[in-house]
Structures are given as structure tokens and as C-alpha cells.
Amino acid sequence: MEYLNPKALSASIVYSLLGIVILVISFYLFNKLTPGTLRKEILEDHNNALAILVAAFMLSIAIIISAAIHG
């Protein structure tokens, strides 16, 4: 029943939003640091290797953020 605690619930929401913001910022930086545009390469040129790389990047950043939030 400790999950229904309003303080814990609000902290979870704040940390989740913070994690999403950090993930979006890191993806934006990744997009700026790589040559070309990721959107064009993945959607128009159908570059599957780049799509897998971007997915792996986002998963790794998400795992790092969740580990940092949960201690």
C-alpha cells in the first residue's frame, strides 16, 4: 500500500518527467552530433542499421536514467 502514498506518487511523476526530458535532450544532442539528419536517413533512405543504432542509444540512455533515479 505504500505505492498509493501521495508523496511517493508525486515523486515518481516528477522523476519520470525529468527522465523523459533528459532522454529528449540527449537524443537531440545525438542528432546534432551525427552527420546528416537521422529523420531523412531512417525514413527516406530506409537505413535499418542507423535505426537500430538510434534505438540502442535511446534504450541505453533510458536504462542509465532509470538507474540514476532509483538509486
PDB file of N, CA and C in Angstrom:
ATOM      1  N   MET A   1       0.796  -1.199   0.000  1.00  0.00           N
ATOM      2  CA  MET A   1       0.000   0.000   0.000  1.00  0.00           C
ATOM      3  C   MET A   1       0.843   1.270   0.000  1.00  0.00           C
ATOM      4  N   GLU A   2       2.153   1.122   0.146  1.00  0.00           N
ATOM      5  CA  GLU A   2       2.996   2.318   0.152  1.00  0.00           C
ATOM      6  C   GLU A   2       3.078   2.971  -1.215  1.00  0.00           C
ATOM      7  N   TYR A   3       2.656   2.261  -2.284  1.00  0.00           N
ATOM      8  CA  TYR A   3       2.672   2.847  -3.620  1.00  0.00           C
ATOM      9  C   TYR A   3       1.561   3.872  -3.790  1.00  0.00           C
ATOM     10  N   LEU A   4       0.545   3.834  -2.932  1.00  0.00           N
ATOM     11  CA  LEU A   4      -0.552   4.783  -3.016  1.00  0.00           C
ATOM     12  C   LEU A   4      -0.279   6.046  -2.213  1.00  0.00           C
ATOM     13  N   ASN A   5       0.888   6.129  -1.633  1.00  0.00           N
ATOM     14  CA  ASN A   5       1.282   7.308  -0.870  1.00  0.00           C
ATOM     15  C   ASN A   5       1.377   8.496  -1.825  1.00  0.00           C
ATOM     16  N   PRO A   6       0.685   9.608  -1.547  1.00  0.00           N
ATOM     17  CA  PRO A   6       0.717  10.758  -2.459  1.00  0.00           C
ATOM     18  C   PRO A   6       2.120  11.325  -2.676  1.00  0.00           C
ATOM     19  N   LYS A   7       2.938  11.291  -1.650  1.00  0.00           N
ATOM     20  CA  LYS A   7       4.306  11.811  -1.777  1.00  0.00           C
ATOM     21  C   LYS A   7       5.127  10.946  -2.732  1.00  0.00           C
ATOM     22  N   ALA A   8       5.012   9.627  -2.601  1.00  0.00           N
ATOM     23  CA  ALA A   8       5.741   8.712  -3.482  1.00  0.00           C
ATOM     24  C   ALA A   8       5.214   8.803  -4.910  1.00  0.00           C
ATOM     25  N   LEU A   9       3.911   8.947  -5.055  1.00  0.00           N
ATOM     26  CA  LEU A   9       3.317   9.063  -6.389  1.00  0.00           C
ATOM     27  C   LEU A   9       3.768  10.337  -7.081  1.00  0.00           C
ATOM     28  N   SER A  10       3.764  11.450  -6.362  1.00  0.00           N
ATOM     29  CA  SER A  10       4.200  12.709  -6.968  1.00  0.00           C
ATOM     30  C   SER A  10       5.693  12.671  -7.295  1.00  0.00           C
ATOM     31  N   ALA A  11       6.488  12.051  -6.452  1.00  0.00           N
ATOM     32  CA  ALA A  11       7.922  11.932  -6.737  1.00  0.00           C
ATOM     33  C   ALA A  11       8.149  11.072  -7.975  1.00  0.00           C
ATOM     34  N   SER A  12       7.384  10.002  -8.134  1.00  0.00           N
ATOM     35  CA  SER A  12       7.508   9.152  -9.319  1.00  0.00           C
ATOM     36  C   SER A  12       7.156   9.915 -10.585  1.00  0.00           C
ATOM     37  N   ILE A  13       6.126  10.717 -10.519  1.00  0.00           N
ATOM     38  CA  ILE A  13       5.717  11.508 -11.694  1.00  0.00           C
ATOM     39  C   ILE A  13       6.784  12.541 -12.043  1.00  0.00           C
ATOM     40  N   VAL A  14       7.309  13.224 -11.033  1.00  0.00           N
ATOM     41  CA  VAL A  14       8.345  14.238 -11.282  1.00  0.00           C
ATOM     42  C   VAL A  14       9.598  13.606 -11.864  1.00  0.00           C
ATOM     43  N   TYR A  15      10.041  12.479 -11.294  1.00  0.00           N
ATOM     44  CA  TYR A  15      11.236  11.817 -11.799  1.00  0.00           C
ATOM     45  C   TYR A  15      11.015  11.235 -13.196  1.00  0.00           C
ATOM     46  N   SER A  16       9.807  10.767 -13.467  1.00  0.00           N
ATOM     47  CA  SER A  16       9.510  10.256 -14.811  1.00  0.00           C
ATOM     48  C   SER A  16       9.579  11.377 -15.839  1.00  0.00           C
ATOM     49  N   LEU A  17       8.987  12.509 -15.516  1.00  0.00           N
ATOM     50  CA  LEU A  17       9.039  13.648 -16.442  1.00  0.00           C
ATOM     51  C   LEU A  17      10.467  14.145 -16.625  1.00  0.00           C
ATOM     52  N   LEU A  18      11.225  14.172 -15.545  1.00  0.00           N
ATOM     53  CA  LEU A  18      12.629  14.580 -15.636  1.00  0.00           C
ATOM     54  C   LEU A  18      13.423  13.615 -16.511  1.00  0.00           C
ATOM     55  N   GLY A  19      13.174  12.330 -16.359  1.00  0.00           N
ATOM     56  CA  GLY A  19      13.840  11.330 -17.197  1.00  0.00           C
ATOM     57  C   GLY A  19      13.489  11.476 -18.664  1.00  0.00           C
ATOM     58  N   ILE A  20      12.219  11.759 -18.962  1.00  0.00           N
ATOM     59  CA  ILE A  20      11.801  11.955 -20.352  1.00  0.00           C
ATOM     60  C   ILE A  20      12.465  13.183 -20.946  1.00  0.00           C
ATOM     61  N   VAL A  21      12.542  14.253 -20.168  1.00  0.00           N
ATOM     62  CA  VAL A  21      13.190  15.482 -20.657  1.00  0.00           C
ATOM     63  C   VAL A  21      14.672  15.228 -20.938  1.00  0.00           C
ATOM     64  N   ILE A  22      15.343  14.527 -20.049  1.00  0.00           N
ATOM     65  CA  ILE A  22      16.762  14.219 -20.258  1.00  0.00           C
ATOM     66  C   ILE A  22      16.944  13.332 -21.482  1.00  0.00           C
ATOM     67  N   LEU A  23      16.043  12.374 -21.687  1.00  0.00           N
ATOM     68  CA  LEU A  23      16.117  11.495 -22.850  1.00  0.00           C
ATOM     69  C   LEU A  23      15.932  12.276 -24.151  1.00  0.00           C
ATOM     70  N   VAL A  24      14.987  13.196 -24.177  1.00  0.00           N
ATOM     71  CA  VAL A  24      14.757  14.004 -25.382  1.00  0.00           C
ATOM     72  C   VAL A  24      15.956  14.906 -25.660  1.00  0.00           C
ATOM     73  N   ILE A  25      16.510  15.515 -24.624  1.00  0.00           N
ATOM     74  CA  ILE A  25      17.682  16.378 -24.807  1.00  0.00           C
ATOM     75  C   ILE A  25      18.876  15.582 -25.313  1.00  0.00           C
ATOM     76  N   SER A  26      19.095  14.392 -24.758  1.00  0.00           N
ATOM     77  CA  SER A  26      20.230  13.590 -25.209  1.00  0.00           C
ATOM     78  C   SER A  26      20.028  13.102 -26.640  1.00  0.00           C
ATOM     79  N   PHE A  27      18.784  12.784 -27.022  1.00  0.00           N
ATOM     80  CA  PHE A  27      18.529  12.395 -28.407  1.00  0.00           C
ATOM     81  C   PHE A  27      18.760  13.573 -29.350  1.00  0.00           C
ATOM     82  N   TYR A  28      18.353  14.772 -28.937  1.00  0.00           N
ATOM     83  CA  TYR A  28      18.577  15.965 -29.750  1.00  0.00           C
ATOM     84  C   TYR A  28      20.077  16.208 -29.939  1.00  0.00           C
ATOM     85  N   LEU A  29      20.855  16.052 -28.876  1.00  0.00           N
ATOM     86  CA  LEU A  29      22.308  16.213 -28.990  1.00  0.00           C
ATOM     87  C   LEU A  29      22.919  15.135 -29.882  1.00  0.00           C
ATOM     88  N   PHE A  30      22.435  13.905 -29.761  1.00  0.00           N
ATOM     89  CA  PHE A  30      22.907  12.812 -30.616  1.00  0.00           C
ATOM     90  C   PHE A  30      22.610  13.122 -32.077  1.00  0.00           C
ATOM     91  N   ASN A  31      21.440  13.681 -32.337  1.00  0.00           N
ATOM     92  CA  ASN A  31      21.062  14.041 -33.702  1.00  0.00           C
ATOM     93  C   ASN A  31      21.958  15.156 -34.250  1.00  0.00           C
ATOM     94  N   LYS A  32      22.318  16.108 -33.407  1.00  0.00           N
ATOM     95  CA  LYS A  32      23.163  17.219 -33.853  1.00  0.00           C
ATOM     96  C   LYS A  32      24.623  16.792 -34.050  1.00  0.00           C
ATOM     97  N   LEU A  33      25.082  15.826 -33.273  1.00  0.00           N
ATOM     98  CA  LEU A  33      26.483  15.419 -33.359  1.00  0.00           C
ATOM     99  C   LEU A  33      26.762  14.444 -34.499  1.00  0.00           C
ATOM    100  N   THR A  34      25.739  13.781 -35.001  1.00  0.00           N
ATOM    101  CA  THR A  34      25.936  12.849 -36.111  1.00  0.00           C
ATOM    102  C   THR A  34      25.810  13.589 -37.434  1.00  0.00           C
ATOM    103  N   PRO A  35      26.557  13.158 -38.439  1.00  0.00           N
ATOM    104  CA  PRO A  35      26.460  13.832 -39.746  1.00  0.00           C
ATOM    105  C   PRO A  35      25.127  13.530 -40.415  1.00  0.00           C
ATOM    106  N   GLY A  36      24.573  14.516 -41.115  1.00  0.00           N
ATOM    107  CA  GLY A  36      23.283  14.331 -41.782  1.00  0.00           C
ATOM    108  C   GLY A  36      22.135  14.392 -40.792  1.00  0.00           C
ATOM    109  N   THR A  37      20.935  14.130 -41.285  1.00  0.00           N
ATOM    110  CA  THR A  37      19.779  14.121 -40.405  1.00  0.00           C
ATOM    111  C   THR A  37      19.296  12.690 -40.227  1.00  0.00           C
ATOM    112  N   LEU A  38      19.015  12.339 -39.004  1.00  0.00           N
ATOM    113  CA  LEU A  38      18.563  10.993 -38.709  1.00  0.00           C
ATOM    114  C   LEU A  38      17.201  10.715 -39.340  1.00  0.00           C
ATOM    115  N   ARG A  39      16.343  11.721 -39.337  1.00  0.00           N
ATOM    116  CA  ARG A  39      14.994  11.547 -39.899  1.00  0.00           C
ATOM    117  C   ARG A  39      15.052  11.177 -41.370  1.00  0.00           C
ATOM    118  N   LYS A  40      15.871  11.888 -42.150  1.00  0.00           N
ATOM    119  CA  LYS A  40      15.988  11.608 -43.579  1.00  0.00           C
ATOM    120  C   LYS A  40      16.596  10.234 -43.811  1.00  0.00           C
ATOM    121  N   GLU A  41      17.639   9.914 -43.069  1.00  0.00           N
ATOM    122  CA  GLU A  41      18.326   8.637 -43.256  1.00  0.00           C
ATOM    123  C   GLU A  41      17.414   7.452 -42.930  1.00  0.00           C
ATOM    124  N   ILE A  42      16.641   7.573 -41.861  1.00  0.00           N
ATOM    125  CA  ILE A  42      15.813   6.439 -41.437  1.00  0.00           C
ATOM    126  C   ILE A  42      14.534   6.348 -42.257  1.00  0.00           C
ATOM    127  N   LEU A  43      13.829   7.464 -42.438  1.00  0.00           N
ATOM    128  CA  LEU A  43      12.525   7.412 -43.090  1.00  0.00           C
ATOM    129  C   LEU A  43      12.601   7.395 -44.615  1.00  0.00           C
ATOM    130  N   GLU A  44      13.483   8.179 -45.182  1.00  0.00           N
ATOM    131  CA  GLU A  44      13.531   8.267 -46.642  1.00  0.00           C
ATOM    132  C   GLU A  44      14.489   7.259 -47.259  1.00  0.00           C
ATOM    133  N   ASP A  45      15.674   7.101 -46.643  1.00  0.00           N
ATOM    134  CA  ASP A  45      16.677   6.199 -47.210  1.00  0.00           C
ATOM    135  C   ASP A  45      16.577   4.778 -46.659  1.00  0.00           C
ATOM    136  N   HIS A  46      15.703   4.548 -45.685  1.00  0.00           N
ATOM    137  CA  HIS A  46      15.470   3.226 -45.090  1.00  0.00           C
ATOM    138  C   HIS A  46      16.766   2.597 -44.573  1.00  0.00           C
ATOM    139  N   ASN A  47      17.509   3.366 -43.808  1.00  0.00           N
ATOM    140  CA  ASN A  47      18.765   2.898 -43.229  1.00  0.00           C
ATOM    141  C   ASN A  47      18.466   2.132 -41.938  1.00  0.00           C
ATOM    142  N   ASN A  48      18.347   0.814 -42.045  1.00  0.00           N
ATOM    143  CA  ASN A  48      17.993  -0.009 -40.889  1.00  0.00           C
ATOM    144  C   ASN A  48      19.089  -0.029 -39.830  1.00  0.00           C
ATOM    145  N   ALA A  49      20.336  -0.003 -40.247  1.00  0.00           N
ATOM    146  CA  ALA A  49      21.436  -0.020 -39.282  1.00  0.00           C
ATOM    147  C   ALA A  49      21.404   1.233 -38.400  1.00  0.00           C
ATOM    148  N   LEU A  50      21.109   2.359 -38.988  1.00  0.00           N
ATOM    149  CA  LEU A  50      21.020   3.598 -38.219  1.00  0.00           C
ATOM    150  C   LEU A  50      19.813   3.570 -37.288  1.00  0.00           C
ATOM    151  N   ALA A  51      18.720   3.002 -37.737  1.00  0.00           N
ATOM    152  CA  ALA A  51      17.535   2.885 -36.883  1.00  0.00           C
ATOM    153  C   ALA A  51      17.828   2.008 -35.668  1.00  0.00           C
ATOM    154  N   ILE A  52      18.555   0.923 -35.869  1.00  0.00           N
ATOM    155  CA  ILE A  52      18.933   0.052 -34.755  1.00  0.00           C
ATOM    156  C   ILE A  52      19.886   0.779 -33.810  1.00  0.00           C
ATOM    157  N   LEU A  53      20.808   1.550 -34.352  1.00  0.00           N
ATOM    158  CA  LEU A  53      21.740   2.318 -33.530  1.00  0.00           C
ATOM    159  C   LEU A  53      21.002   3.351 -32.682  1.00  0.00           C
ATOM    160  N   VAL A  54      20.052   4.054 -33.273  1.00  0.00           N
ATOM    161  CA  VAL A  54      19.285   5.056 -32.534  1.00  0.00           C
ATOM    162  C   VAL A  54      18.446   4.388 -31.448  1.00  0.00           C
ATOM    163  N   ALA A  55      17.840   3.251 -31.770  1.00  0.00           N
ATOM    164  CA  ALA A  55      17.045   2.532 -30.765  1.00  0.00           C
ATOM    165  C   ALA A  55      17.923   2.067 -29.608  1.00  0.00           C
ATOM    166  N   ALA A  56      19.106   1.561 -29.910  1.00  0.00           N
ATOM    167  CA  ALA A  56      20.025   1.124 -28.860  1.00  0.00           C
ATOM    168  C   ALA A  56      20.485   2.301 -28.013  1.00  0.00           C
ATOM    169  N   PHE A  57      20.723   3.441 -28.651  1.00  0.00           N
ATOM    170  CA  PHE A  57      21.113   4.649 -27.921  1.00  0.00           C
ATOM    171  C   PHE A  57      20.014   5.067 -26.960  1.00  0.00           C
ATOM    172  N   MET A  58      18.771   5.095 -27.437  1.00  0.00           N
ATOM    173  CA  MET A  58      17.669   5.527 -26.580  1.00  0.00           C
ATOM    174  C   MET A  58      17.440   4.548 -25.426  1.00  0.00           C
ATOM    175  N   LEU A  59      17.568   3.257 -25.688  1.00  0.00           N
ATOM    176  CA  LEU A  59      17.425   2.273 -24.609  1.00  0.00           C
ATOM    177  C   LEU A  59      18.527   2.405 -23.573  1.00  0.00           C
ATOM    178  N   SER A  60      19.746   2.615 -24.032  1.00  0.00           N
ATOM    179  CA  SER A  60      20.855   2.738 -23.081  1.00  0.00           C
ATOM    180  C   SER A  60      20.724   3.993 -22.226  1.00  0.00           C
ATOM    181  N   ILE A  61      20.322   5.094 -22.813  1.00  0.00           N
ATOM    182  CA  ILE A  61      20.119   6.318 -22.034  1.00  0.00           C
ATOM    183  C   ILE A  61      18.964   6.134 -21.053  1.00  0.00           C
ATOM    184  N   ALA A  62      17.899   5.458 -21.491  1.00  0.00           N
ATOM    185  CA  ALA A  62      16.761   5.214 -20.599  1.00  0.00           C
ATOM    186  C   ALA A  62      17.162   4.336 -19.418  1.00  0.00           C
ATOM    187  N   ILE A  63      17.993   3.339 -19.657  1.00  0.00           N
ATOM    188  CA  ILE A  63      18.452   2.478 -18.561  1.00  0.00           C
ATOM    189  C   ILE A  63      19.331   3.265 -17.594  1.00  0.00           C
ATOM    190  N   ILE A  64      20.193   4.113 -18.117  1.00  0.00           N
ATOM    191  CA  ILE A  64      21.050   4.935 -17.247  1.00  0.00           C
ATOM    192  C   ILE A  64      20.212   5.888 -16.409  1.00  0.00           C
ATOM    193  N   ILE A  65      19.205   6.516 -17.025  1.00  0.00           N
ATOM    194  CA  ILE A  65      18.352   7.455 -16.297  1.00  0.00           C
ATOM    195  C   ILE A  65      17.558   6.728 -15.214  1.00  0.00           C
ATOM    196  N   SER A  66      17.003   5.560 -15.550  1.00  0.00           N
ATOM    197  CA  SER A  66      16.217   4.834 -14.550  1.00  0.00           C
ATOM    198  C   SER A  66      17.094   4.353 -13.401  1.00  0.00           C
ATOM    199  N   ALA A  67      18.323   3.953 -13.690  1.00  0.00           N
ATOM    200  CA  ALA A  67      19.227   3.538 -12.624  1.00  0.00           C
ATOM    201  C   ALA A  67      19.600   4.726 -11.732  1.00  0.00           C
ATOM    202  N   ALA A  68      19.755   5.890 -12.335  1.00  0.00           N
ATOM    203  CA  ALA A  68      20.082   7.076 -11.543  1.00  0.00           C
ATOM    204  C   ALA A  68      18.914   7.502 -10.674  1.00  0.00           C
ATOM    205  N   ILE A  69      17.703   7.354 -11.174  1.00  0.00           N
ATOM    206  CA  ILE A  69      16.524   7.763 -10.407  1.00  0.00           C
ATOM    207  C   ILE A  69      16.257   6.799  -9.255  1.00  0.00           C
ATOM    208  N   HIS A  70      16.396   5.493  -9.509  1.00  0.00           N
ATOM    209  CA  HIS A  70      16.072   4.505  -8.487  1.00  0.00           C
ATOM    210  C   HIS A  70      17.233   4.223  -7.530  1.00  0.00           C
ATOM    211  N   GLY A  71      18.357   4.820  -7.821  1.00  0.00           N
ATOM    212  CA  GLY A  71      19.482   4.677  -6.900  1.00  0.00           C
ATOM    213  C   GLY A  71      20.263   3.506  -7.204  1.00  0.00           C
TER     214      GLY A  71
END
